[in-house]
Amino acid sequence: MELTKRKVMNKFFLYVACLIAVIADMLFVCWAKKSSHSLAILFTATILNLIGTALWTYSLKAGIESATAITVYALFTIGGCSLLGYAIFNKHLTALNFVGLMLAVIALVMISV
């Protein structure tokens, strides 16, 4: 029972780390692409990136396989950047983009089981 709880917590830390890192990446993109380059956005992105890196390191040290961690991070990045482009930069998402995003969600569910 204790081992299962620990595995769940390790995966939770991995998902939180990936989510924080993707938010930091999106803030970096926003900072770079906007006409005004706010230092607050840059500072926030840097701090979030450091927090995400610390959680990522902990999850790897706690026993998450690096292949799983890299896959989760890649799927979060693809989804996050696609949604960022759609929501902030008014990029059009095709039907193929939506299929890819849905497959990424399915893959995340399958990894977490």
N, C-alpha and C. Protein backbone atom coordinates (compact mmCIF):
# COMPACT_ATOMS: atom_id res chain seq x y z
N MET A 1 0.82 -1.19 0.00
CA MET A 1 0.00 0.00 0.00
C MET A 1 0.86 1.25 0.00
N GLU A 2 1.88 1.27 0.85
CA GLU A 2 2.76 2.44 0.96
C GLU A 2 3.52 2.67 -0.34
N LEU A 3 3.94 1.59 -1.00
CA LEU A 3 4.65 1.72 -2.26
C LEU A 3 3.77 2.33 -3.34
N THR A 4 2.51 1.97 -3.39
CA THR A 4 1.58 2.52 -4.37
C THR A 4 1.36 4.00 -4.12
N LYS A 5 1.21 4.39 -2.85
CA LYS A 5 1.05 5.81 -2.51
C LYS A 5 2.26 6.61 -2.96
N ARG A 6 3.43 6.05 -2.74
CA ARG A 6 4.67 6.74 -3.11
C ARG A 6 4.75 6.90 -4.63
N LYS A 7 4.37 5.86 -5.38
CA LYS A 7 4.38 5.95 -6.84
C LYS A 7 3.42 7.02 -7.33
N VAL A 8 2.24 7.08 -6.72
CA VAL A 8 1.25 8.09 -7.11
C VAL A 8 1.79 9.48 -6.82
N MET A 9 2.41 9.67 -5.67
CA MET A 9 2.97 10.98 -5.32
C MET A 9 4.11 11.36 -6.26
N ASN A 10 4.94 10.39 -6.63
CA ASN A 10 6.04 10.67 -7.55
C ASN A 10 5.51 11.10 -8.92
N LYS A 11 4.47 10.42 -9.40
CA LYS A 11 3.87 10.82 -10.67
C LYS A 11 3.21 12.18 -10.56
N PHE A 12 2.59 12.45 -9.40
CA PHE A 12 1.99 13.76 -9.17
C PHE A 12 3.06 14.85 -9.26
N PHE A 13 4.21 14.63 -8.61
CA PHE A 13 5.30 15.61 -8.68
C PHE A 13 5.79 15.78 -10.11
N LEU A 14 5.83 14.69 -10.87
CA LEU A 14 6.26 14.78 -12.26
C LEU A 14 5.28 15.63 -13.07
N TYR A 15 3.98 15.38 -12.92
CA TYR A 15 2.99 16.16 -13.67
C TYR A 15 3.01 17.63 -13.27
N VAL A 16 3.15 17.90 -11.98
CA VAL A 16 3.22 19.30 -11.53
C VAL A 16 4.48 19.96 -12.08
N ALA A 17 5.60 19.25 -12.05
CA ALA A 17 6.84 19.80 -12.58
C ALA A 17 6.71 20.12 -14.06
N CYS A 18 6.12 19.21 -14.82
CA CYS A 18 5.94 19.45 -16.25
C CYS A 18 4.99 20.61 -16.51
N LEU A 19 3.92 20.68 -15.75
CA LEU A 19 2.97 21.78 -15.92
C LEU A 19 3.63 23.12 -15.61
N ILE A 20 4.38 23.19 -14.53
CA ILE A 20 5.07 24.44 -14.17
C ILE A 20 6.09 24.79 -15.25
N ALA A 21 6.84 23.81 -15.73
CA ALA A 21 7.85 24.08 -16.76
C ALA A 21 7.21 24.57 -18.06
N VAL A 22 6.09 23.99 -18.44
CA VAL A 22 5.40 24.42 -19.66
C VAL A 22 4.84 25.84 -19.49
N ILE A 23 4.30 26.14 -18.31
CA ILE A 23 3.83 27.51 -18.07
C ILE A 23 5.00 28.48 -18.15
N ALA A 24 6.15 28.11 -17.60
CA ALA A 24 7.33 28.96 -17.70
C ALA A 24 7.75 29.13 -19.15
N ASP A 25 7.74 28.05 -19.92
CA ASP A 25 8.10 28.14 -21.35
C ASP A 25 7.15 29.06 -22.09
N MET A 26 5.86 28.96 -21.78
CA MET A 26 4.88 29.83 -22.45
C MET A 26 5.08 31.29 -22.06
N LEU A 27 5.45 31.53 -20.79
CA LEU A 27 5.75 32.91 -20.39
C LEU A 27 6.98 33.45 -21.11
N PHE A 28 7.99 32.60 -21.30
CA PHE A 28 9.17 33.01 -22.07
C PHE A 28 8.78 33.38 -23.50
N VAL A 29 7.91 32.58 -24.11
CA VAL A 29 7.46 32.86 -25.47
C VAL A 29 6.68 34.17 -25.51
N CYS A 30 5.78 34.35 -24.56
CA CYS A 30 5.01 35.60 -24.50
C CYS A 30 5.93 36.79 -24.33
N TRP A 31 6.91 36.66 -23.46
CA TRP A 31 7.85 37.74 -23.22
C TRP A 31 8.62 38.08 -24.50
N ALA A 32 9.04 37.07 -25.23
CA ALA A 32 9.84 37.29 -26.43
C ALA A 32 9.02 37.83 -27.60
N LYS A 33 7.77 37.40 -27.73
CA LYS A 33 6.98 37.77 -28.90
C LYS A 33 6.15 39.03 -28.74
N LYS A 34 5.90 39.46 -27.51
CA LYS A 34 5.12 40.68 -27.29
C LYS A 34 5.97 41.90 -27.63
N SER A 35 5.29 43.00 -27.93
CA SER A 35 6.02 44.22 -28.27
C SER A 35 6.68 44.84 -27.04
N SER A 36 6.05 44.69 -25.87
CA SER A 36 6.68 45.20 -24.65
C SER A 36 7.27 44.02 -23.88
N HIS A 37 8.51 44.17 -23.51
CA HIS A 37 9.22 43.09 -22.82
C HIS A 37 9.29 43.41 -21.33
N SER A 38 8.28 42.96 -20.60
CA SER A 38 8.18 43.22 -19.18
C SER A 38 9.17 42.35 -18.41
N LEU A 39 9.92 42.98 -17.53
CA LEU A 39 10.85 42.22 -16.70
C LEU A 39 10.12 41.34 -15.69
N ALA A 40 8.90 41.71 -15.31
CA ALA A 40 8.13 40.89 -14.37
C ALA A 40 7.80 39.53 -14.99
N ILE A 41 7.45 39.52 -16.27
CA ILE A 41 7.16 38.25 -16.95
C ILE A 41 8.42 37.40 -17.04
N LEU A 42 9.53 38.02 -17.39
CA LEU A 42 10.80 37.30 -17.48
C LEU A 42 11.20 36.73 -16.12
N PHE A 43 11.07 37.52 -15.08
CA PHE A 43 11.41 37.08 -13.72
C PHE A 43 10.50 35.94 -13.28
N THR A 44 9.21 36.07 -13.51
CA THR A 44 8.25 35.02 -13.14
C THR A 44 8.55 33.72 -13.88
N ALA A 45 8.83 33.83 -15.18
CA ALA A 45 9.15 32.63 -15.97
C ALA A 45 10.41 31.96 -15.46
N THR A 46 11.40 32.75 -15.09
CA THR A 46 12.66 32.18 -14.58
C THR A 46 12.43 31.46 -13.25
N ILE A 47 11.69 32.08 -12.35
CA ILE A 47 11.41 31.45 -11.06
C ILE A 47 10.60 30.16 -11.24
N LEU A 48 9.57 30.21 -12.09
CA LEU A 48 8.78 29.00 -12.35
C LEU A 48 9.62 27.91 -12.97
N ASN A 49 10.53 28.28 -13.85
CA ASN A 49 11.41 27.30 -14.48
C ASN A 49 12.30 26.63 -13.42
N LEU A 50 12.81 27.40 -12.48
CA LEU A 50 13.63 26.83 -11.41
C LEU A 50 12.83 25.89 -10.52
N ILE A 51 11.60 26.27 -10.20
CA ILE A 51 10.73 25.42 -9.38
C ILE A 51 10.41 24.12 -10.13
N GLY A 52 10.07 24.24 -11.41
CA GLY A 52 9.80 23.06 -12.22
C GLY A 52 10.99 22.14 -12.32
N THR A 53 12.18 22.72 -12.46
CA THR A 53 13.40 21.92 -12.54
C THR A 53 13.65 21.18 -11.24
N ALA A 54 13.43 21.84 -10.11
CA ALA A 54 13.63 21.19 -8.81
C ALA A 54 12.65 20.02 -8.63
N LEU A 55 11.39 20.23 -8.98
CA LEU A 55 10.41 19.14 -8.87
C LEU A 55 10.71 18.01 -9.85
N TRP A 56 11.16 18.36 -11.05
CA TRP A 56 11.54 17.36 -12.05
C TRP A 56 12.67 16.50 -11.50
N THR A 57 13.68 17.14 -10.93
CA THR A 57 14.83 16.42 -10.38
C THR A 57 14.38 15.50 -9.25
N TYR A 58 13.50 15.99 -8.39
CA TYR A 58 13.00 15.17 -7.30
C TYR A 58 12.25 13.94 -7.83
N SER A 59 11.41 14.15 -8.84
CA SER A 59 10.64 13.02 -9.35
C SER A 59 11.55 11.97 -10.00
N LEU A 60 12.61 12.42 -10.67
CA LEU A 60 13.54 11.45 -11.25
C LEU A 60 14.31 10.72 -10.15
N LYS A 61 14.71 11.46 -9.12
CA LYS A 61 15.43 10.84 -8.02
C LYS A 61 14.54 9.87 -7.25
N ALA A 62 13.26 10.16 -7.20
CA ALA A 62 12.31 9.33 -6.45
C ALA A 62 11.91 8.07 -7.19
N GLY A 63 12.33 7.90 -8.44
CA GLY A 63 12.08 6.64 -9.11
C GLY A 63 11.30 6.69 -10.40
N ILE A 64 10.90 7.86 -10.87
CA ILE A 64 10.23 7.94 -12.16
C ILE A 64 11.28 7.69 -13.24
N GLU A 65 10.96 6.86 -14.21
CA GLU A 65 11.89 6.59 -15.30
C GLU A 65 12.03 7.81 -16.19
N SER A 66 13.23 8.05 -16.68
CA SER A 66 13.47 9.25 -17.48
C SER A 66 12.68 9.22 -18.79
N ALA A 67 12.45 8.04 -19.36
CA ALA A 67 11.67 7.97 -20.61
C ALA A 67 10.23 8.43 -20.37
N THR A 68 9.67 8.04 -19.24
CA THR A 68 8.32 8.49 -18.89
C THR A 68 8.30 9.99 -18.68
N ALA A 69 9.27 10.50 -17.96
CA ALA A 69 9.33 11.93 -17.67
C ALA A 69 9.47 12.75 -18.95
N ILE A 70 10.31 12.32 -19.85
CA ILE A 70 10.52 13.05 -21.10
C ILE A 70 9.27 13.01 -21.96
N THR A 71 8.59 11.87 -22.00
CA THR A 71 7.36 11.76 -22.77
C THR A 71 6.28 12.68 -22.22
N VAL A 72 6.11 12.70 -20.91
CA VAL A 72 5.10 13.56 -20.29
C VAL A 72 5.42 15.02 -20.59
N TYR A 73 6.69 15.40 -20.43
CA TYR A 73 7.08 16.79 -20.69
C TYR A 73 6.83 17.17 -22.16
N ALA A 74 7.17 16.28 -23.07
CA ALA A 74 6.96 16.57 -24.49
C ALA A 74 5.49 16.74 -24.82
N LEU A 75 4.64 15.87 -24.26
CA LEU A 75 3.21 15.97 -24.51
C LEU A 75 2.63 17.25 -23.91
N PHE A 76 3.07 17.61 -22.70
CA PHE A 76 2.62 18.87 -22.10
C PHE A 76 3.07 20.06 -22.94
N THR A 77 4.29 20.02 -23.45
CA THR A 77 4.81 21.13 -24.24
C THR A 77 4.05 21.28 -25.55
N ILE A 78 3.79 20.17 -26.21
CA ILE A 78 3.05 20.24 -27.48
C ILE A 78 1.66 20.82 -27.25
N GLY A 79 0.97 20.29 -26.25
CA GLY A 79 -0.37 20.79 -25.95
C GLY A 79 -0.37 22.24 -25.50
N GLY A 80 0.53 22.57 -24.62
CA GLY A 80 0.60 23.94 -24.11
C GLY A 80 0.95 24.96 -25.17
N CYS A 81 1.92 24.65 -25.99
CA CYS A 81 2.31 25.59 -27.05
C CYS A 81 1.23 25.72 -28.12
N SER A 82 0.54 24.64 -28.41
CA SER A 82 -0.56 24.72 -29.38
C SER A 82 -1.68 25.61 -28.85
N LEU A 83 -2.02 25.41 -27.58
CA LEU A 83 -3.07 26.24 -26.99
C LEU A 83 -2.62 27.69 -26.82
N LEU A 84 -1.36 27.89 -26.53
CA LEU A 84 -0.83 29.26 -26.43
C LEU A 84 -0.92 29.97 -27.77
N GLY A 85 -0.52 29.30 -28.83
CA GLY A 85 -0.60 29.89 -30.16
C GLY A 85 -2.03 30.22 -30.54
N TYR A 86 -2.95 29.34 -30.17
CA TYR A 86 -4.36 29.56 -30.49
C TYR A 86 -4.94 30.70 -29.67
N ALA A 87 -4.70 30.70 -28.36
CA ALA A 87 -5.36 31.65 -27.46
C ALA A 87 -4.74 33.05 -27.51
N ILE A 88 -3.42 33.13 -27.59
CA ILE A 88 -2.78 34.45 -27.47
C ILE A 88 -2.36 35.01 -28.82
N PHE A 89 -1.83 34.18 -29.68
CA PHE A 89 -1.29 34.67 -30.95
C PHE A 89 -2.22 34.45 -32.13
N ASN A 90 -3.46 34.01 -31.86
CA ASN A 90 -4.51 33.85 -32.86
C ASN A 90 -4.10 32.96 -34.04
N LYS A 91 -3.37 31.91 -33.75
CA LYS A 91 -3.00 30.93 -34.77
C LYS A 91 -4.16 29.95 -34.95
N HIS A 92 -4.43 29.60 -36.18
CA HIS A 92 -5.53 28.68 -36.50
C HIS A 92 -5.09 27.25 -36.25
N LEU A 93 -5.93 26.49 -35.56
CA LEU A 93 -5.67 25.07 -35.34
C LEU A 93 -6.51 24.27 -36.33
N THR A 94 -5.86 23.39 -37.05
CA THR A 94 -6.57 22.55 -38.02
C THR A 94 -7.17 21.34 -37.32
N ALA A 95 -7.94 20.59 -38.06
CA ALA A 95 -8.52 19.36 -37.52
C ALA A 95 -7.41 18.39 -37.12
N LEU A 96 -6.33 18.38 -37.87
CA LEU A 96 -5.20 17.51 -37.54
C LEU A 96 -4.56 17.93 -36.21
N ASN A 97 -4.50 19.25 -35.94
CA ASN A 97 -4.00 19.71 -34.65
C ASN A 97 -4.87 19.21 -33.51
N PHE A 98 -6.19 19.28 -33.69
CA PHE A 98 -7.10 18.80 -32.65
C PHE A 98 -6.95 17.30 -32.43
N VAL A 99 -6.79 16.55 -33.50
CA VAL A 99 -6.58 15.10 -33.37
C VAL A 99 -5.28 14.84 -32.61
N GLY A 100 -4.24 15.57 -32.93
CA GLY A 100 -2.96 15.42 -32.23
C GLY A 100 -3.08 15.75 -30.75
N LEU A 101 -3.80 16.81 -30.43
CA LEU A 101 -4.00 17.16 -29.03
C LEU A 101 -4.80 16.10 -28.28
N MET A 102 -5.81 15.56 -28.93
CA MET A 102 -6.59 14.50 -28.29
C MET A 102 -5.75 13.24 -28.08
N LEU A 103 -4.92 12.90 -29.04
CA LEU A 103 -4.02 11.75 -28.88
C LEU A 103 -3.01 11.99 -27.76
N ALA A 104 -2.56 13.24 -27.60
CA ALA A 104 -1.65 13.56 -26.51
C ALA A 104 -2.34 13.38 -25.16
N VAL A 105 -3.59 13.78 -25.06
CA VAL A 105 -4.35 13.59 -23.82
C VAL A 105 -4.53 12.10 -23.53
N ILE A 106 -4.86 11.33 -24.57
CA ILE A 106 -5.01 9.89 -24.39
C ILE A 106 -3.68 9.25 -23.93
N ALA A 107 -2.59 9.69 -24.53
CA ALA A 107 -1.28 9.17 -24.13
C ALA A 107 -0.96 9.51 -22.68
N LEU A 108 -1.30 10.72 -22.24
CA LEU A 108 -1.07 11.09 -20.84
C LEU A 108 -1.89 10.22 -19.90
N VAL A 109 -3.12 9.93 -20.28
CA VAL A 109 -3.96 9.06 -19.45
C VAL A 109 -3.37 7.67 -19.39
N MET A 110 -2.91 7.18 -20.54
CA MET A 110 -2.33 5.82 -20.57
C MET A 110 -1.04 5.74 -19.76
N ILE A 111 -0.24 6.80 -19.77
CA ILE A 111 1.00 6.80 -19.00
C ILE A 111 0.70 6.81 -17.50
N SER A 112 -0.34 7.54 -17.12
CA SER A 112 -0.60 7.68 -15.69
C SER A 112 -1.28 6.46 -15.07
N VAL A 113 -1.73 5.53 -15.90
CA VAL A 113 -2.39 4.33 -15.34
C VAL A 113 -1.37 3.36 -14.84
